[in-house]
PDB file of N, CA and C in Angstrom:
ATOM      1  N   MET A   1      10.537 217.219 -16.466  1.00  0.00           N
ATOM      2  CA  MET A   1      11.392 218.275 -15.928  1.00  0.00           C
ATOM      3  C   MET A   1      11.848 217.947 -14.513  1.00  0.00           C
ATOM      4  N   GLU A   2      11.001 217.318 -13.745  1.00  0.00           N
ATOM      5  CA  GLU A   2      11.393 217.001 -12.369  1.00  0.00           C
ATOM      6  C   GLU A   2      12.552 216.001 -12.347  1.00  0.00           C
ATOM      7  N   ILE A   3      12.542 215.052 -13.256  1.00  0.00           N
ATOM      8  CA  ILE A   3      13.620 214.059 -13.287  1.00  0.00           C
ATOM      9  C   ILE A   3      14.939 214.723 -13.683  1.00  0.00           C
ATOM     10  N   GLU A   4      14.901 215.638 -14.626  1.00  0.00           N
ATOM     11  CA  GLU A   4      16.131 216.321 -15.028  1.00  0.00           C
ATOM     12  C   GLU A   4      16.703 217.143 -13.883  1.00  0.00           C
ATOM     13  N   ARG A   5      15.864 217.792 -13.124  1.00  0.00           N
ATOM     14  CA  ARG A   5      16.351 218.591 -11.995  1.00  0.00           C
ATOM     15  C   ARG A   5      17.011 217.697 -10.942  1.00  0.00           C
ATOM     16  N   ILE A   6      16.440 216.556 -10.707  1.00  0.00           N
ATOM     17  CA  ILE A   6      17.020 215.648  -9.712  1.00  0.00           C
ATOM     18  C   ILE A   6      18.389 215.150 -10.192  1.00  0.00           C
ATOM     19  N   GLN A   7      18.514 214.840 -11.463  1.00  0.00           N
ATOM     20  CA  GLN A   7      19.791 214.358 -11.986  1.00  0.00           C
ATOM     21  C   GLN A   7      20.857 215.453 -11.925  1.00  0.00           C
ATOM     22  N   ILE A   8      20.485 216.668 -12.265  1.00  0.00           N
ATOM     23  CA  ILE A   8      21.455 217.763 -12.220  1.00  0.00           C
ATOM     24  C   ILE A   8      21.909 218.010 -10.785  1.00  0.00           C
ATOM     25  N   CYS A   9      20.987 217.985  -9.850  1.00  0.00           N
ATOM     26  CA  CYS A   9      21.343 218.210  -8.451  1.00  0.00           C
ATOM     27  C   CYS A   9      22.230 217.085  -7.924  1.00  0.00           C
ATOM     28  N   ALA A  10      22.086 215.899  -8.464  1.00  0.00           N
ATOM     29  CA  ALA A  10      22.900 214.777  -7.992  1.00  0.00           C
ATOM     30  C   ALA A  10      24.296 214.807  -8.612  1.00  0.00           C
ATOM     31  N   VAL A  11      24.425 215.304  -9.826  1.00  0.00           N
ATOM     32  CA  VAL A  11      25.719 215.276 -10.508  1.00  0.00           C
ATOM     33  C   VAL A  11      26.606 216.433 -10.061  1.00  0.00           C
ATOM     34  N   VAL A  12      26.054 217.627  -9.953  1.00  0.00           N
ATOM     35  CA  VAL A  12      26.864 218.805  -9.656  1.00  0.00           C
ATOM     36  C   VAL A  12      27.528 218.730  -8.282  1.00  0.00           C
ATOM     37  N   PRO A  13      26.827 218.369  -7.210  1.00  0.00           N
ATOM     38  CA  PRO A  13      27.528 218.283  -5.917  1.00  0.00           C
ATOM     39  C   PRO A  13      28.631 217.221  -5.916  1.00  0.00           C
ATOM     40  N   THR A  14      28.432 216.118  -6.606  1.00  0.00           N
ATOM     41  CA  THR A  14      29.467 215.085  -6.662  1.00  0.00           C
ATOM     42  C   THR A  14      30.724 215.632  -7.328  1.00  0.00           C
ATOM     43  N   PHE A  15      30.563 216.367  -8.412  1.00  0.00           N
ATOM     44  CA  PHE A  15      31.704 216.961  -9.105  1.00  0.00           C
ATOM     45  C   PHE A  15      32.400 217.982  -8.218  1.00  0.00           C
ATOM     46  N   PHE A  16      31.617 218.776  -7.498  1.00  0.00           N
ATOM     47  CA  PHE A  16      32.201 219.788  -6.619  1.00  0.00           C
ATOM     48  C   PHE A  16      32.982 219.134  -5.482  1.00  0.00           C
ATOM     49  N   VAL A  17      32.468 218.074  -4.930  1.00  0.00           N
ATOM     50  CA  VAL A  17      33.164 217.390  -3.836  1.00  0.00           C
ATOM     51  C   VAL A  17      34.475 216.797  -4.337  1.00  0.00           C
ATOM     52  N   LYS A  18      34.479 216.230  -5.526  1.00  0.00           N
ATOM     53  CA  LYS A  18      35.714 215.670  -6.073  1.00  0.00           C
ATOM     54  C   LYS A  18      36.746 216.766  -6.321  1.00  0.00           C
ATOM     55  N   MET A  19      36.291 217.897  -6.846  1.00  0.00           N
ATOM     56  CA  MET A  19      37.222 219.002  -7.069  1.00  0.00           C
ATOM     57  C   MET A  19      37.799 219.499  -5.753  1.00  0.00           C
ATOM     58  N   GLN A  20      36.940 219.651  -4.753  1.00  0.00           N
ATOM     59  CA  GLN A  20      37.403 220.176  -3.471  1.00  0.00           C
ATOM     60  C   GLN A  20      38.357 219.183  -2.807  1.00  0.00           C
ATOM     61  N   THR A  21      38.064 217.914  -2.894  1.00  0.00           N
ATOM     62  CA  THR A  21      38.937 216.906  -2.298  1.00  0.00           C
ATOM     63  C   THR A  21      40.311 216.918  -2.964  1.00  0.00           C
ATOM     64  N   SER A  22      40.338 217.019  -4.276  1.00  0.00           N
ATOM     65  CA  SER A  22      41.609 217.056  -4.991  1.00  0.00           C
ATOM     66  C   SER A  22      42.404 218.301  -4.618  1.00  0.00           C
ATOM     67  N   TRP A  23      41.729 219.431  -4.514  1.00  0.00           N
ATOM     68  CA  TRP A  23      42.422 220.671  -4.164  1.00  0.00           C
ATOM     69  C   TRP A  23      42.966 220.604  -2.743  1.00  0.00           C
ATOM     70  N   GLU A  24      42.200 220.058  -1.823  1.00  0.00           N
ATOM     71  CA  GLU A  24      42.665 219.937  -0.443  1.00  0.00           C
ATOM     72  C   GLU A  24      43.887 219.024  -0.375  1.00  0.00           C
ATOM     73  N   TYR A  25      43.883 217.941  -1.136  1.00  0.00           N
ATOM     74  CA  TYR A  25      45.021 217.023  -1.132  1.00  0.00           C
ATOM     75  C   TYR A  25      46.276 217.722  -1.650  1.00  0.00           C
ATOM     76  N   ASP A  26      46.143 218.483  -2.730  1.00  0.00           N
ATOM     77  CA  ASP A  26      47.296 219.196  -3.272  1.00  0.00           C
ATOM     78  C   ASP A  26      47.810 220.233  -2.284  1.00  0.00           C
ATOM     79  N   ARG A  27      46.892 220.918  -1.602  1.00  0.00           N
ATOM     80  CA  ARG A  27      47.299 221.953  -0.662  1.00  0.00           C
ATOM     81  C   ARG A  27      48.035 221.331   0.523  1.00  0.00           C
ATOM     82  N   VAL A  28      47.536 220.221   1.027  1.00  0.00           N
ATOM     83  CA  VAL A  28      48.182 219.565   2.164  1.00  0.00           C
ATOM     84  C   VAL A  28      49.553 219.042   1.762  1.00  0.00           C
ATOM     85  N   GLN A  29      49.658 218.473   0.584  1.00  0.00           N
ATOM     86  CA  GLN A  29      50.947 217.963   0.131  1.00  0.00           C
ATOM     87  C   GLN A  29      51.949 219.095  -0.071  1.00  0.00           C
ATOM     88  N   ALA A  30      51.474 220.237  -0.543  1.00  0.00           N
ATOM     89  CA  ALA A  30      52.378 221.354  -0.779  1.00  0.00           C
ATOM     90  C   ALA A  30      52.890 221.935   0.531  1.00  0.00           C
ATOM     91  N   ASN A  31      52.074 221.880   1.580  1.00  0.00           N
ATOM     92  CA  ASN A  31      52.486 222.429   2.866  1.00  0.00           C
ATOM     93  C   ASN A  31      53.078 221.368   3.794  1.00  0.00           C
ATOM     94  N   GLY A  32      53.246 220.149   3.297  1.00  0.00           N
ATOM     95  CA  GLY A  32      53.758 219.080   4.142  1.00  0.00           C
ATOM     96  C   GLY A  32      55.222 219.281   4.487  1.00  0.00           C
ATOM     97  N   LYS A  33      55.586 218.901   5.699  1.00  0.00           N
ATOM     98  CA  LYS A  33      56.972 219.064   6.138  1.00  0.00           C
ATOM     99  C   LYS A  33      57.868 217.952   5.605  1.00  0.00           C
ATOM    100  N   ASN A  34      57.261 216.860   5.154  1.00  0.00           N
ATOM    101  CA  ASN A  34      58.063 215.713   4.729  1.00  0.00           C
ATOM    102  C   ASN A  34      58.425 215.774   3.252  1.00  0.00           C
ATOM    103  N   LEU A  35      58.037 216.842   2.557  1.00  0.00           N
ATOM    104  CA  LEU A  35      58.379 216.945   1.147  1.00  0.00           C
ATOM    105  C   LEU A  35      59.827 217.395   0.987  1.00  0.00           C
ATOM    106  N   LEU A  36      60.506 216.834   0.024  1.00  0.00           N
ATOM    107  CA  LEU A  36      61.897 217.181  -0.239  1.00  0.00           C
ATOM    108  C   LEU A  36      62.020 217.793  -1.629  1.00  0.00           C
ATOM    109  N   THR A  37      62.837 218.804  -1.743  1.00  0.00           N
ATOM    110  CA  THR A  37      63.133 219.356  -3.058  1.00  0.00           C
ATOM    111  C   THR A  37      64.124 218.447  -3.768  1.00  0.00           C
ATOM    112  N   LEU A  38      64.322 218.691  -5.045  1.00  0.00           N
ATOM    113  CA  LEU A  38      65.255 217.863  -5.810  1.00  0.00           C
ATOM    114  C   LEU A  38      66.673 217.973  -5.256  1.00  0.00           C
ATOM    115  N   LYS A  39      67.070 219.166  -4.833  1.00  0.00           N
ATOM    116  CA  LYS A  39      68.403 219.351  -4.266  1.00  0.00           C
ATOM    117  C   LYS A  39      68.549 218.574  -2.966  1.00  0.00           C
ATOM    118  N   GLU A  40      67.507 218.597  -2.132  1.00  0.00           N
ATOM    119  CA  GLU A  40      67.560 217.858  -0.874  1.00  0.00           C
ATOM    120  C   GLU A  40      67.614 216.361  -1.126  1.00  0.00           C
ATOM    121  N   LYS A  41      66.892 215.885  -2.131  1.00  0.00           N
ATOM    122  CA  LYS A  41      66.933 214.457  -2.446  1.00  0.00           C
ATOM    123  C   LYS A  41      68.324 214.049  -2.914  1.00  0.00           C
ATOM    124  N   ASN A  42      68.957 214.890  -3.727  1.00  0.00           N
ATOM    125  CA  ASN A  42      70.308 214.570  -4.195  1.00  0.00           C
ATOM    126  C   ASN A  42      71.304 214.580  -3.043  1.00  0.00           C
ATOM    127  N   ASN A  43      71.168 215.540  -2.130  1.00  0.00           N
ATOM    128  CA  ASN A  43      72.062 215.587  -0.976  1.00  0.00           C
ATOM    129  C   ASN A  43      71.862 214.373  -0.088  1.00  0.00           C
ATOM    130  N   PHE A  44      70.609 213.965   0.092  1.00  0.00           N
ATOM    131  CA  PHE A  44      70.334 212.778   0.892  1.00  0.00           C
ATOM    132  C   PHE A  44      70.960 211.545   0.245  1.00  0.00           C
ATOM    133  N   ALA A  45      70.877 211.461  -1.063  1.00  0.00           N
ATOM    134  CA  ALA A  45      71.441 210.308  -1.764  1.00  0.00           C
ATOM    135  C   ALA A  45      72.964 210.294  -1.657  1.00  0.00           C
ATOM    136  N   LYS A  46      73.591 211.452  -1.752  1.00  0.00           N
ATOM    137  CA  LYS A  46      75.048 211.511  -1.670  1.00  0.00           C
ATOM    138  C   LYS A  46      75.539 211.202  -0.263  1.00  0.00           C
ATOM    139  N   ASN A  47      74.757 211.571   0.748  1.00  0.00           N
ATOM    140  CA  ASN A  47      75.168 211.326   2.127  1.00  0.00           C
ATOM    141  C   ASN A  47      74.951 209.880   2.541  1.00  0.00           C
ATOM    142  N   ASN A  48      74.129 209.145   1.811  1.00  0.00           N
ATOM    143  CA  ASN A  48      73.882 207.742   2.118  1.00  0.00           C
ATOM    144  C   ASN A  48      74.414 206.897   0.962  1.00  0.00           C
ATOM    145  N   LEU A  49      75.699 206.612   1.024  1.00  0.00           N
ATOM    146  CA  LEU A  49      76.350 205.952  -0.106  1.00  0.00           C
ATOM    147  C   LEU A  49      75.862 204.528  -0.300  1.00  0.00           C
ATOM    148  N   ASN A  50      75.396 203.892   0.770  1.00  0.00           N
ATOM    149  CA  ASN A  50      74.980 202.502   0.673  1.00  0.00           C
ATOM    150  C   ASN A  50      73.508 202.353   0.315  1.00  0.00           C
ATOM    151  N   SER A  51      72.800 203.458   0.121  1.00  0.00           N
ATOM    152  CA  SER A  51      71.372 203.368  -0.168  1.00  0.00           C
ATOM    153  C   SER A  51      71.141 203.156  -1.654  1.00  0.00           C
ATOM    154  N   ASN A  52      69.987 202.622  -1.979  1.00  0.00           N
ATOM    155  CA  ASN A  52      69.630 202.417  -3.382  1.00  0.00           C
ATOM    156  C   ASN A  52      69.406 203.748  -4.088  1.00  0.00           C
ATOM    157  N   ASN A  53      69.025 204.775  -3.343  1.00  0.00           N
ATOM    158  CA  ASN A  53      68.775 206.080  -3.950  1.00  0.00           C
ATOM    159  C   ASN A  53      70.047 206.651  -4.569  1.00  0.00           C
ATOM    160  N   TYR A  54      71.170 206.422  -3.924  1.00  0.00           N
ATOM    161  CA  TYR A  54      72.431 206.962  -4.444  1.00  0.00           C
ATOM    162  C   TYR A  54      72.786 206.290  -5.769  1.00  0.00           C
ATOM    163  N   ASP A  55      72.650 204.981  -5.831  1.00  0.00           N
ATOM    164  CA  ASP A  55      72.955 204.268  -7.070  1.00  0.00           C
ATOM    165  C   ASP A  55      72.011 204.703  -8.181  1.00  0.00           C
ATOM    166  N   PHE A  56      70.750 204.870  -7.840  1.00  0.00           N
ATOM    167  CA  PHE A  56      69.762 205.275  -8.840  1.00  0.00           C
ATOM    168  C   PHE A  56      70.091 206.660  -9.389  1.00  0.00           C
ATOM    169  N   THR A  57      70.496 207.573  -8.515  1.00  0.00           N
ATOM    170  CA  THR A  57      70.821 208.932  -8.951  1.00  0.00           C
ATOM    171  C   THR A  57      72.049 208.935  -9.849  1.00  0.00           C
ATOM    172  N   THR A  58      73.075 208.188  -9.479  1.00  0.00           N
ATOM    173  CA  THR A  58      74.294 208.175 -10.294  1.00  0.00           C
ATOM    174  C   THR A  58      74.029 207.536 -11.648  1.00  0.00           C
ATOM    175  N   ASN A  59      73.172 206.524 -11.684  1.00  0.00           N
ATOM    176  CA  ASN A  59      72.861 205.896 -12.969  1.00  0.00           C
ATOM    177  C   ASN A  59      72.142 206.868 -13.886  1.00  0.00           C
ATOM    178  N   ILE A  60      71.235 207.648 -13.348  1.00  0.00           N
ATOM    179  CA  ILE A  60      70.518 208.628 -14.172  1.00  0.00           C
ATOM    180  C   ILE A  60      71.494 209.670 -14.709  1.00  0.00           C
ATOM    181  N   LYS A  61      72.412 210.143 -13.879  1.00  0.00           N
ATOM    182  CA  LYS A  61      73.369 211.148 -14.336  1.00  0.00           C
ATOM    183  C   LYS A  61      74.272 210.570 -15.424  1.00  0.00           C
ATOM    184  N   HIS A  62      74.672 209.326 -15.263  1.00  0.00           N
ATOM    185  CA  HIS A  62      75.549 208.705 -16.258  1.00  0.00           C
ATOM    186  C   HIS A  62      74.821 208.547 -17.588  1.00  0.00           C
ATOM    187  N   GLN A  63      73.567 208.111 -17.542  1.00  0.00           N
ATOM    188  CA  GLN A  63      72.803 207.948 -18.772  1.00  0.00           C
ATOM    189  C   GLN A  63      72.551 209.290 -19.443  1.00  0.00           C
ATOM    190  N   THR A  64      72.347 210.320 -18.662  1.00  0.00           N
ATOM    191  CA  THR A  64      72.105 211.642 -19.242  1.00  0.00           C
ATOM    192  C   THR A  64      73.340 212.132 -19.980  1.00  0.00           C
ATOM    193  N   SER A  65      74.520 211.910 -19.405  1.00  0.00           N
ATOM    194  CA  SER A  65      75.743 212.343 -20.087  1.00  0.00           C
ATOM    195  C   SER A  65      75.935 211.570 -21.384  1.00  0.00           C
ATOM    196  N   ASN A  66      75.553 210.297 -21.394  1.00  0.00           N
ATOM    197  CA  ASN A  66      75.666 209.524 -22.631  1.00  0.00           C
ATOM    198  C   ASN A  66      74.714 210.050 -23.693  1.00  0.00           C
ATOM    199  N   ILE A  67      73.525 210.422 -23.293  1.00  0.00           N
ATOM    200  CA  ILE A  67      72.556 210.958 -24.254  1.00  0.00           C
ATOM    201  C   ILE A  67      73.069 212.273 -24.836  1.00  0.00           C
ATOM    202  N   LYS A  68      73.654 213.115 -24.014  1.00  0.00           N
ATOM    203  CA  LYS A  68      74.193 214.377 -24.519  1.00  0.00           C
ATOM    204  C   LYS A  68      75.321 214.120 -25.506  1.00  0.00           C
ATOM    205  N   HIS A  69      76.141 213.128 -25.218  1.00  0.00           N
ATOM    206  CA  HIS A  69      77.252 212.810 -26.119  1.00  0.00           C
ATOM    207  C   HIS A  69      76.722 212.310 -27.459  1.00  0.00           C
ATOM    208  N   GLN A  70      75.698 211.468 -27.423  1.00  0.00           N
ATOM    209  CA  GLN A  70      75.126 210.967 -28.664  1.00  0.00           C
ATOM    210  C   GLN A  70      74.478 212.093 -29.458  1.00  0.00           C
ATOM    211  N   THR A  71      73.866 213.022 -28.771  1.00  0.00           N
ATOM    212  CA  THR A  71      73.234 214.142 -29.471  1.00  0.00           C
ATOM    213  C   THR A  71      74.275 214.985 -30.188  1.00  0.00           C
ATOM    214  N   SER A  72      75.418 215.215 -29.540  1.00  0.00           N
ATOM    215  CA  SER A  72      76.468 216.000 -30.191  1.00  0.00           C
ATOM    216  C   SER A  72      77.016 215.267 -31.412  1.00  0.00           C
ATOM    217  N   ASN A  73      77.073 213.942 -31.347  1.00  0.00           N
ATOM    218  CA  ASN A  73      77.539 213.191 -32.511  1.00  0.00           C
ATOM    219  C   ASN A  73      76.556 213.301 -33.666  1.00  0.00           C
ATOM    220  N   ILE A  74      75.279 213.270 -33.362  1.00  0.00           N
ATOM    221  CA  ILE A  74      74.271 213.387 -34.418  1.00  0.00           C
ATOM    222  C   ILE A  74      74.354 214.764 -35.072  1.00  0.00           C
ATOM    223  N   LYS A  75      74.545 215.795 -34.271  1.00  0.00           N
ATOM    224  CA  LYS A  75      74.658 217.141 -34.829  1.00  0.00           C
ATOM    225  C   LYS A  75      75.903 217.251 -35.705  1.00  0.00           C
ATOM    226  N   HIS A  76      76.970 216.586 -35.305  1.00  0.00           N
ATOM    227  CA  HIS A  76      78.206 216.634 -36.095  1.00  0.00           C
ATOM    228  C   HIS A  76      78.013 215.944 -37.447  1.00  0.00           C
ATOM    229  N   GLN A  77      77.262 214.851 -37.457  1.00  0.00           N
ATOM    230  CA  GLN A  77      77.021 214.144 -38.711  1.00  0.00           C
ATOM    231  C   GLN A  77      76.162 214.972 -39.658  1.00  0.00           C
ATOM    232  N   ASP A  78      75.253 215.756 -39.118  1.00  0.00           N
ATOM    233  CA  ASP A  78      74.409 216.589 -39.976  1.00  0.00           C
ATOM    234  C   ASP A  78      75.261 217.659 -40.626  1.00  0.00           C
TER     235      ASP A  78
END
């Protein structure tokens, strides 16, 4: 019984510390001033035409429109 108590005491605090550390990290990231919303990221990309972010954003939008077009064709065939 003594060995089981020692193992339980060693496992539970480790789990609690990991949970608390993860929660603190999420809380700090959520309150961080350097976080950007999706709208802010898109505006930043549009304002920096020579950046890689702008090209990446336009490519995603172009591919999305192609996927929507293909989906409408599949529905038409059905």
